[in-house]
């Protein structure tokens, strides 16, 4: 998904395949569907159509991110809408949709220096081409505005069009979908909301590292303190943790990645806070919040959160309207069923320490006011997984 795993897809290095041209006519089309943070986003000027890449970029990243991507959720439409009224956020369609999910900062010097932090589907695309797949005939990509809900109309319509295009371009062959991370949730929502289209156009669905039941440690902390994609000196060239936070708190997709409170976790995800005792300032206590109780913690910790954009202040508390929307999305994800004629493969990672429980403050340095959490670095406890998604969440696909 994101976080410690970075933006790249591991395990898919470039391999040479033995190509048999006689098999090209029988090759089934492949559609690659990216996950959260895995699509290039451009800011397109409404007046003249000029576009600039705002995600991902390494140079001037923080400035352009604030200028173009900071958003507010509109409960009337269900969309996160940019504060910049002069632009539209669009996903480039170049190269049959593959450009948007390949190298996320395709600047010449990034390719020259081989900055693999921003290589997303690149190695898999190269591997598939080496195996005989052809862009625009048997190989396509689907990037989308990952700020938005996984069931929002724009994403559903876009996936429908991409499936139809892939089907027609390949001569009427059903499509094999390969989704990564949150892209699996988007496909699952589509499978439920447009089941007839899914049955008509999809042959196989290969799902990689999907947080079917959420990603507790990473998402809980992202809503409270933000997200740092890269560490060390590289962080000076990328979006800061707090700049990212001020977007994520208004993103429906993030709320849809919160841990499913109804799922039977092997270990219940918790948020822990060391706090000063209100009645006795000389003592401390450990407050513990489960997946349901943490909503109250989010509300209290984010009650004073705000951002300043062009001199104007905007309140950014924990958004209950988005939470209600995400709850309806969770209901869809829980009841969606795989059609009988579609094969499903679930690929997930294990043997990596994966954040699960999050703790703020310490016995020696407790939290006074809960709003202090937003400027506190977390301490994680870990479970087995791929570094971001716990294995029991990725395994619980509900398709078997």
Protein backbone atom coordinates (compact mmCIF):
# COMPACT_ATOMS: atom_id res chain seq x y z
CA UNK A 1 0.00 0.00 0.00
CA UNK A 2 2.27 2.73 1.27
CA UNK A 3 4.48 3.54 4.22
CA UNK A 4 7.45 1.33 4.93
CA UNK A 5 6.88 -0.53 1.66
CA UNK A 6 7.36 2.65 -0.35
CA UNK A 7 5.55 3.18 -3.62
CA UNK A 8 7.12 0.35 -5.59
CA UNK A 9 5.88 -3.16 -6.20
CA UNK A 10 8.45 -5.55 -4.81
CA UNK A 11 9.10 -9.01 -6.16
CA UNK A 12 8.63 -8.23 -9.83
CA UNK A 13 12.08 -7.65 -11.21
CA UNK A 14 12.71 -7.59 -14.93
CA UNK A 15 12.79 -11.10 -16.35
CA UNK A 16 13.28 -12.33 -19.88
CA UNK A 17 10.51 -14.61 -21.07
CA UNK A 18 10.65 -16.92 -24.05
CA UNK A 19 8.25 -15.35 -26.54
CA UNK A 20 6.21 -17.40 -28.94
CA UNK A 21 4.64 -15.03 -31.48
CA UNK A 22 2.10 -17.70 -32.40
CA UNK A 23 0.65 -17.31 -28.91
CA UNK A 24 0.05 -13.55 -29.28
CA UNK A 25 -3.35 -14.11 -30.85
CA UNK A 26 -4.43 -16.20 -27.87
CA UNK A 27 -3.04 -13.90 -25.21
CA UNK A 28 -5.65 -12.57 -22.76
CA UNK A 29 -5.52 -8.83 -22.03
CA UNK A 30 -4.16 -7.65 -18.68
CA UNK A 31 -5.39 -4.56 -16.84
CA UNK A 32 -3.16 -3.22 -14.05
CA UNK A 33 -5.01 -1.34 -11.29
CA UNK A 34 -2.92 0.76 -8.92
CA UNK A 35 -3.33 1.29 -5.18
CA UNK A 36 -3.34 4.32 -2.92
CA UNK A 37 -0.68 6.82 -3.90
CA UNK A 38 0.05 4.74 -7.00
CA UNK A 39 -1.23 7.04 -9.75
CA UNK A 40 0.23 10.22 -11.18
CA UNK A 41 -2.04 13.20 -10.48
CA UNK A 42 -1.88 16.33 -12.62
CA UNK A 43 -3.26 19.77 -11.87
CA UNK A 44 -4.97 21.04 -15.02
CA UNK A 45 -5.68 24.76 -15.34
CA UNK A 46 -9.34 25.38 -16.10
CA UNK A 47 -8.60 28.47 -18.22
CA UNK A 48 -5.94 27.23 -20.62
CA UNK A 49 -5.69 23.47 -20.05
CA UNK A 50 -2.03 23.66 -18.95
CA UNK A 51 -1.09 20.72 -16.72
CA UNK A 52 1.59 20.20 -14.11
CA UNK A 53 2.31 16.98 -12.24
CA UNK A 54 1.59 17.39 -8.52
CA UNK A 55 1.83 13.73 -7.47
CA UNK A 56 4.39 12.27 -7.49
CA UNK A 57 7.12 14.86 -7.84
CA UNK A 58 10.46 15.12 -6.09
CA UNK A 59 11.37 18.76 -6.81
CA UNK A 60 9.10 21.41 -5.21
CA UNK A 61 6.89 18.57 -4.02
CA UNK A 62 5.71 20.10 -0.74
CA UNK A 63 4.86 23.45 -2.34
CA UNK A 64 2.89 22.00 -5.26
CA UNK A 65 1.15 19.51 -2.98
CA UNK A 66 -0.18 22.27 -0.72
CA UNK A 67 -1.06 24.50 -3.64
CA UNK A 68 -2.96 21.90 -5.64
CA UNK A 69 -3.90 18.84 -3.60
CA UNK A 70 -5.07 20.15 -0.25
CA UNK A 71 -8.79 19.44 -0.32
CA UNK A 72 -12.08 19.62 1.55
CA UNK A 73 -14.69 16.89 1.52
CA UNK A 74 -18.05 17.84 0.03
CA UNK A 75 -20.76 15.77 1.77
CA UNK A 76 -23.27 16.68 -0.96
CA UNK A 77 -21.23 15.04 -3.71
CA UNK A 78 -19.05 12.57 -1.80
CA UNK A 79 -15.89 13.97 -3.41
CA UNK A 80 -12.78 15.54 -1.88
CA UNK A 81 -12.52 18.85 -3.75
CA UNK A 82 -9.29 20.80 -4.08
CA UNK A 83 -9.13 24.20 -2.38
CA UNK A 84 -7.58 25.61 -5.54
CA UNK A 85 -10.58 26.75 -7.59
CA UNK A 86 -8.51 27.33 -10.73
CA UNK A 87 -7.60 23.70 -11.39
CA UNK A 88 -8.97 20.22 -11.85
CA UNK A 89 -7.08 17.17 -10.59
CA UNK A 90 -6.78 14.65 -13.42
CA UNK A 91 -5.05 11.33 -14.03
CA UNK A 92 -3.09 11.19 -17.33
CA UNK A 93 -4.35 8.62 -19.83
CA UNK A 94 -1.15 8.46 -21.90
CA UNK A 95 0.21 5.10 -23.01
CA UNK A 96 -3.15 3.32 -22.60
CA UNK A 97 -3.28 4.25 -18.92
CA UNK A 98 0.14 2.76 -18.18
CA UNK A 99 2.02 6.07 -17.93
CA UNK A 100 0.11 7.06 -14.78
CA UNK A 101 1.11 3.92 -12.86
CA UNK A 102 4.59 3.22 -14.22
CA UNK A 103 7.28 5.60 -12.89
CA UNK A 104 5.38 8.06 -10.72
CA UNK A 105 7.90 10.85 -11.25
CA UNK A 106 8.96 10.27 -14.87
CA UNK A 107 11.41 13.19 -15.00
CA UNK A 108 14.47 12.39 -17.13
CA UNK A 109 16.87 12.68 -14.22
CA UNK A 110 14.78 10.27 -12.11
CA UNK A 111 15.13 7.66 -14.84
CA UNK A 112 18.81 8.49 -15.36
CA UNK A 113 19.63 8.12 -11.65
CA UNK A 114 17.27 5.14 -11.35
CA UNK A 115 15.42 6.55 -8.32
CA UNK A 116 13.45 3.39 -7.63
CA UNK A 117 11.49 4.95 -4.74
CA UNK A 118 9.03 6.22 -7.36
CA UNK A 119 8.99 3.09 -9.56
CA UNK A 120 5.52 1.60 -9.13
CA UNK A 121 4.32 -0.88 -11.79
CA UNK A 122 7.45 -0.27 -13.87
CA UNK A 123 9.14 -3.65 -13.43
CA UNK A 124 5.90 -5.56 -13.90
CA UNK A 125 5.12 -3.65 -17.08
CA UNK A 126 8.58 -4.42 -18.45
CA UNK A 127 8.23 -8.07 -17.49
CA UNK A 128 4.85 -8.41 -19.21
CA UNK A 129 6.15 -6.72 -22.37
CA UNK A 130 9.12 -9.11 -22.39
CA UNK A 131 6.62 -11.96 -22.15
CA UNK A 132 4.83 -10.77 -25.27
CA UNK A 133 2.11 -8.45 -24.02
CA UNK A 134 1.54 -5.35 -26.16
CA UNK A 135 0.50 -1.94 -24.93
CA UNK A 136 -2.93 -1.01 -26.20
CA UNK A 137 -3.75 -4.53 -27.34
CA UNK A 138 -3.16 -6.87 -24.42
CA UNK A 139 -1.73 -4.53 -21.77
CA UNK A 140 -3.50 -1.59 -20.14
CA UNK A 141 -3.33 0.44 -16.95
CA UNK A 142 -5.93 2.07 -14.73
CA UNK A 143 -4.90 4.94 -12.50
CA UNK A 144 -7.42 6.98 -10.54
CA UNK A 145 -7.72 9.84 -8.06
CA UNK A 146 -6.85 7.92 -4.91
CA UNK A 147 -8.08 10.75 -2.66
CA UNK A 148 -11.61 9.69 -3.46
CA UNK A 149 -13.79 6.87 -2.23
CA UNK A 150 -13.28 3.42 -3.69
CA UNK A 151 -16.94 3.40 -4.77
CA UNK A 152 -17.22 6.94 -6.11
CA UNK A 153 -18.93 7.27 -9.49
CA UNK A 154 -15.89 8.64 -11.33
CA UNK A 155 -13.75 5.64 -10.34
CA UNK A 156 -16.49 3.13 -11.19
CA UNK A 157 -17.20 4.69 -14.59
CA UNK A 158 -13.48 4.90 -15.35
CA UNK A 159 -12.94 1.21 -14.58
CA UNK A 160 -15.97 0.24 -16.65
CA UNK A 161 -14.63 2.14 -19.67
CA UNK A 162 -11.16 0.65 -19.23
CA UNK A 163 -12.56 -2.90 -19.10
CA UNK A 164 -14.63 -2.29 -22.23
CA UNK A 165 -11.64 -0.79 -24.04
CA UNK A 166 -9.37 -3.71 -23.11
CA UNK A 167 -12.01 -6.22 -24.16
CA UNK A 168 -12.56 -4.65 -27.58
CA UNK A 169 -8.87 -3.97 -28.32
CA UNK A 170 -7.97 -7.61 -27.71
CA UNK A 171 -10.62 -8.89 -30.07
CA UNK A 172 -13.31 -9.72 -27.54
CA UNK A 173 -11.21 -11.59 -24.98
CA UNK A 174 -12.09 -11.30 -21.32
CA UNK A 175 -9.71 -9.29 -19.15
CA UNK A 176 -7.33 -10.44 -16.41
CA UNK A 177 -7.17 -7.77 -13.69
CA UNK A 178 -4.05 -7.38 -11.55
CA UNK A 179 -4.77 -5.01 -8.68
CA UNK A 180 -2.35 -3.70 -6.08
CA UNK A 181 -3.12 -2.63 -2.51
CA UNK A 182 -6.22 -0.43 -2.21
CA UNK A 183 -6.90 -1.09 -5.88
CA UNK A 184 -8.30 -4.41 -4.69
CA UNK A 185 -10.96 -2.59 -2.67
CA UNK A 186 -11.88 -0.51 -5.70
CA UNK A 187 -12.24 -3.66 -7.82
CA UNK A 188 -14.30 -5.31 -5.08
CA UNK A 189 -16.66 -2.31 -4.94
CA UNK A 190 -17.00 -2.45 -8.73
CA UNK A 191 -17.68 -6.19 -8.55
CA UNK A 192 -20.65 -5.47 -6.26
CA UNK A 193 -22.00 -2.27 -7.83
CA UNK A 194 -21.57 -3.36 -11.46
CA UNK A 195 -21.74 -7.13 -11.21
CA UNK A 196 -23.13 -7.59 -14.72
CA UNK A 197 -20.24 -5.65 -16.26
CA UNK A 198 -17.73 -7.55 -14.11
CA UNK A 199 -19.12 -10.90 -15.23
CA UNK A 200 -19.16 -9.86 -18.89
CA UNK A 201 -15.60 -8.54 -19.13
CA UNK A 202 -13.46 -10.16 -16.39
CA UNK A 203 -11.80 -13.56 -16.67
CA UNK A 204 -9.38 -13.56 -13.72
CA UNK A 205 -8.69 -11.22 -10.83
CA UNK A 206 -5.20 -11.34 -9.32
CA UNK A 207 -5.06 -9.32 -6.14
CA UNK A 208 -1.74 -8.23 -4.60
CA UNK A 209 -1.36 -6.96 -1.01
CA UNK A 210 -4.95 -5.84 -0.56
CA UNK A 211 -6.00 -4.57 2.90
CA UNK A 212 -9.40 -6.28 2.77
CA UNK A 213 -10.05 -5.62 6.46
CA UNK A 214 -7.99 -2.43 6.73
CA UNK A 215 -4.43 -1.54 7.66
CA UNK A 216 -4.72 -0.61 11.35
CA UNK A 217 -1.29 0.66 12.36
CA UNK A 218 -0.56 2.72 9.25
CA UNK A 219 -4.03 4.21 8.81
CA UNK A 220 -4.75 4.98 12.45
CA UNK A 221 -1.48 6.86 12.69
CA UNK A 222 -1.94 8.56 9.30
CA UNK A 223 -5.16 10.17 10.52
CA UNK A 224 -3.46 11.40 13.69
CA UNK A 225 0.08 12.38 12.68
CA UNK A 226 0.33 12.03 8.90
CA UNK A 227 2.57 9.97 6.70
CA UNK A 228 6.25 10.06 5.78
CA UNK A 229 6.96 8.19 2.55
CA UNK A 230 10.74 8.49 2.72
CA UNK A 231 13.17 8.93 5.59
CA UNK A 232 16.53 10.62 6.08
CA UNK A 233 17.87 13.23 3.67
CA UNK A 234 15.39 12.14 0.99
CA UNK A 235 12.57 13.56 3.10
CA UNK A 236 13.79 17.10 2.33
CA UNK A 237 12.81 16.55 -1.30
CA UNK A 238 9.39 15.04 -0.69
CA UNK A 239 6.03 15.88 0.86
CA UNK A 240 6.34 16.40 4.61
CA UNK A 241 4.52 14.25 7.13
CA UNK A 242 2.22 17.06 8.31
CA UNK A 243 1.48 18.34 4.80
CA UNK A 244 0.34 14.83 3.93
CA UNK A 245 -1.73 14.64 7.11
CA UNK A 246 -3.75 17.71 6.18
CA UNK A 247 -4.83 15.98 2.98
CA UNK A 248 -5.47 12.52 4.42
CA UNK A 249 -7.89 13.75 7.07
CA UNK A 250 -10.22 14.84 4.23
CA UNK A 251 -9.76 11.74 2.02
CA UNK A 252 -12.63 9.22 1.90
CA UNK A 253 -10.21 6.50 0.77
CA UNK A 254 -8.26 6.75 4.04
CA UNK A 255 -11.39 6.31 6.16
CA UNK A 256 -12.27 3.27 4.06
CA UNK A 257 -8.92 1.73 5.07
CA UNK A 258 -9.61 1.96 8.80
CA UNK A 259 -9.66 -1.45 10.53
CA UNK A 260 -12.95 -3.30 10.20
CA UNK A 261 -14.37 -3.37 13.77
CA UNK A 262 -16.49 -6.44 12.97
CA UNK A 263 -13.57 -8.54 11.71
CA UNK A 264 -12.23 -11.24 14.03
CA UNK A 265 -8.60 -10.13 14.20
CA UNK A 266 -6.03 -12.54 15.55
CA UNK A 267 -4.93 -9.60 17.65
CA UNK A 268 -7.39 -6.74 18.09
CA UNK A 269 -5.78 -3.49 16.79
CA UNK A 270 -5.44 -0.88 19.50
CA UNK A 271 -4.40 2.72 19.99
CA UNK A 272 -2.70 3.37 23.31
CA UNK A 273 -2.10 6.75 24.93
CA UNK A 274 -0.03 7.45 28.03
CA UNK A 275 -1.80 10.35 29.77
CA UNK A 276 -1.47 12.41 32.89
CA UNK A 277 -4.12 11.49 35.43
CA UNK A 278 -6.63 14.36 35.57
CA UNK A 279 -7.26 13.83 39.28
CA UNK A 280 -3.63 13.32 40.20
CA UNK A 281 -1.07 15.18 38.08
CA UNK A 282 1.75 13.19 39.67
CA UNK A 283 0.53 9.91 38.23
CA UNK A 284 0.00 8.60 34.70
CA UNK A 285 -2.35 6.06 33.17
CA UNK A 286 -2.47 4.08 29.94
CA UNK A 287 -5.67 4.62 27.96
CA UNK A 288 -6.52 1.92 25.43
CA UNK A 289 -8.89 2.31 22.46
CA UNK A 290 -10.14 -0.50 20.23
CA UNK A 291 -11.36 -0.11 16.63
CA UNK A 292 -14.70 1.31 17.76
CA UNK A 293 -13.53 3.41 20.69
CA UNK A 294 -10.78 5.04 18.61
CA UNK A 295 -13.41 7.17 16.83
CA UNK A 296 -13.84 9.18 20.02
CA UNK A 297 -10.05 9.53 20.25
CA UNK A 298 -9.86 10.81 16.66
CA UNK A 299 -12.56 13.38 17.39
CA UNK A 300 -10.84 14.70 20.49
CA UNK A 301 -7.32 14.69 19.07
CA UNK A 302 -8.33 16.47 15.84
CA UNK A 303 -10.91 18.87 17.26
CA UNK A 304 -8.61 21.89 16.84
CA UNK A 305 -6.93 20.79 13.63
CA UNK A 306 -6.93 23.37 10.85
CA UNK A 307 -4.94 24.46 7.82
CA UNK A 308 -4.21 27.87 6.36
CA UNK A 309 -4.57 28.27 2.60
CA UNK A 310 -3.87 31.64 0.97
CA UNK A 311 -4.35 33.34 4.32
CA UNK A 312 -7.69 31.69 5.04
CA UNK A 313 -8.15 29.15 7.84
CA UNK A 314 -10.10 25.93 7.31
CA UNK A 315 -11.18 23.63 10.15
CA UNK A 316 -10.10 20.02 9.60
CA UNK A 317 -11.50 17.95 12.46
CA UNK A 318 -12.11 14.22 12.22
CA UNK A 319 -14.78 14.12 9.53
CA UNK A 320 -17.91 12.25 10.62
CA UNK A 321 -19.53 12.73 7.20
CA UNK A 322 -16.65 10.84 5.60
CA UNK A 323 -16.85 8.19 8.33
CA UNK A 324 -20.53 7.62 7.55
CA UNK A 325 -19.71 7.31 3.85
CA UNK A 326 -16.88 4.88 4.63
CA UNK A 327 -19.20 2.80 6.81
CA UNK A 328 -21.49 2.28 3.83
CA UNK A 329 -18.46 1.33 1.74
CA UNK A 330 -17.50 -1.23 4.38
CA UNK A 331 -20.98 -2.76 4.12
CA UNK A 332 -20.46 -3.18 0.37
CA UNK A 333 -17.02 -4.72 0.86
CA UNK A 334 -18.39 -7.17 3.43
CA UNK A 335 -21.19 -8.52 1.22
CA UNK A 336 -19.55 -8.45 -2.23
CA UNK A 337 -19.32 -11.95 -3.74
CA UNK A 338 -17.05 -13.24 -6.47
CA UNK A 339 -19.01 -14.44 -9.54
CA UNK A 340 -18.76 -18.17 -10.22
CA UNK A 341 -17.17 -17.73 -13.65
CA UNK A 342 -14.30 -15.47 -12.46
CA UNK A 343 -11.08 -16.99 -11.11
CA UNK A 344 -9.51 -15.24 -8.12
CA UNK A 345 -5.91 -15.29 -6.85
CA UNK A 346 -4.82 -13.56 -3.67
CA UNK A 347 -1.11 -12.72 -3.30
CA UNK A 348 -0.01 -11.29 0.03
CA UNK A 349 3.19 -10.76 1.98
CA UNK A 350 4.36 -12.29 5.24
CA UNK A 351 7.45 -12.34 7.46
CA UNK A 352 7.76 -8.54 7.69
CA UNK A 353 7.09 -6.57 10.86
CA UNK A 354 3.84 -4.76 10.14
CA UNK A 355 2.47 -1.90 12.29
CA UNK A 356 -0.67 -2.94 14.15
CA UNK A 357 -0.99 -1.22 17.52
CA UNK A 358 0.04 2.41 17.94
CA UNK A 359 1.16 4.09 21.17
CA UNK A 360 1.57 7.81 21.87
CA UNK A 361 3.46 9.30 24.78
CA UNK A 362 5.25 7.23 27.38
CA UNK A 363 5.14 6.62 31.09
CA UNK A 364 8.02 9.06 31.49
CA UNK A 365 6.58 11.62 29.05
CA UNK A 366 2.78 11.36 29.07
CA UNK A 367 0.30 13.24 26.88
CA UNK A 368 -1.46 16.12 28.60
CA UNK A 369 -4.08 17.18 26.04
CA UNK A 370 -5.13 14.67 23.35
CA UNK A 371 -4.49 17.25 20.61
CA UNK A 372 -0.78 16.83 21.41
CA UNK A 373 -0.94 13.40 19.77
CA UNK A 374 -0.98 15.05 16.33
CA UNK A 375 2.56 16.30 16.91
CA UNK A 376 3.91 13.16 18.58
CA UNK A 377 5.85 10.39 16.90
CA UNK A 378 4.21 6.97 17.30
CA UNK A 379 5.58 3.77 18.76
CA UNK A 380 4.34 0.66 17.00
CA UNK A 381 3.84 -2.92 18.01
CA UNK A 382 3.94 -5.31 15.10
CA UNK A 383 2.29 -8.37 13.62
CA UNK A 384 3.12 -10.52 10.62
CA UNK A 385 2.46 -9.02 7.20
CA UNK A 386 4.10 -7.24 4.28
CA UNK A 387 5.27 -4.20 6.23
CA UNK A 388 2.02 -2.27 5.78
CA UNK A 389 -0.90 -4.71 5.55
CA UNK A 390 -1.28 -7.37 8.28
CA UNK A 391 -1.43 -10.88 6.87
CA UNK A 392 -4.80 -11.66 8.46
CA UNK A 393 -6.31 -8.59 6.76
CA UNK A 394 -4.84 -9.49 3.36
CA UNK A 395 -5.90 -13.13 3.70
CA UNK A 396 -9.52 -12.33 4.60
CA UNK A 397 -10.70 -11.74 1.03
CA UNK A 398 -14.11 -13.37 1.46
CA UNK A 399 -13.79 -14.92 -1.99
CA UNK A 400 -13.41 -18.54 -0.96
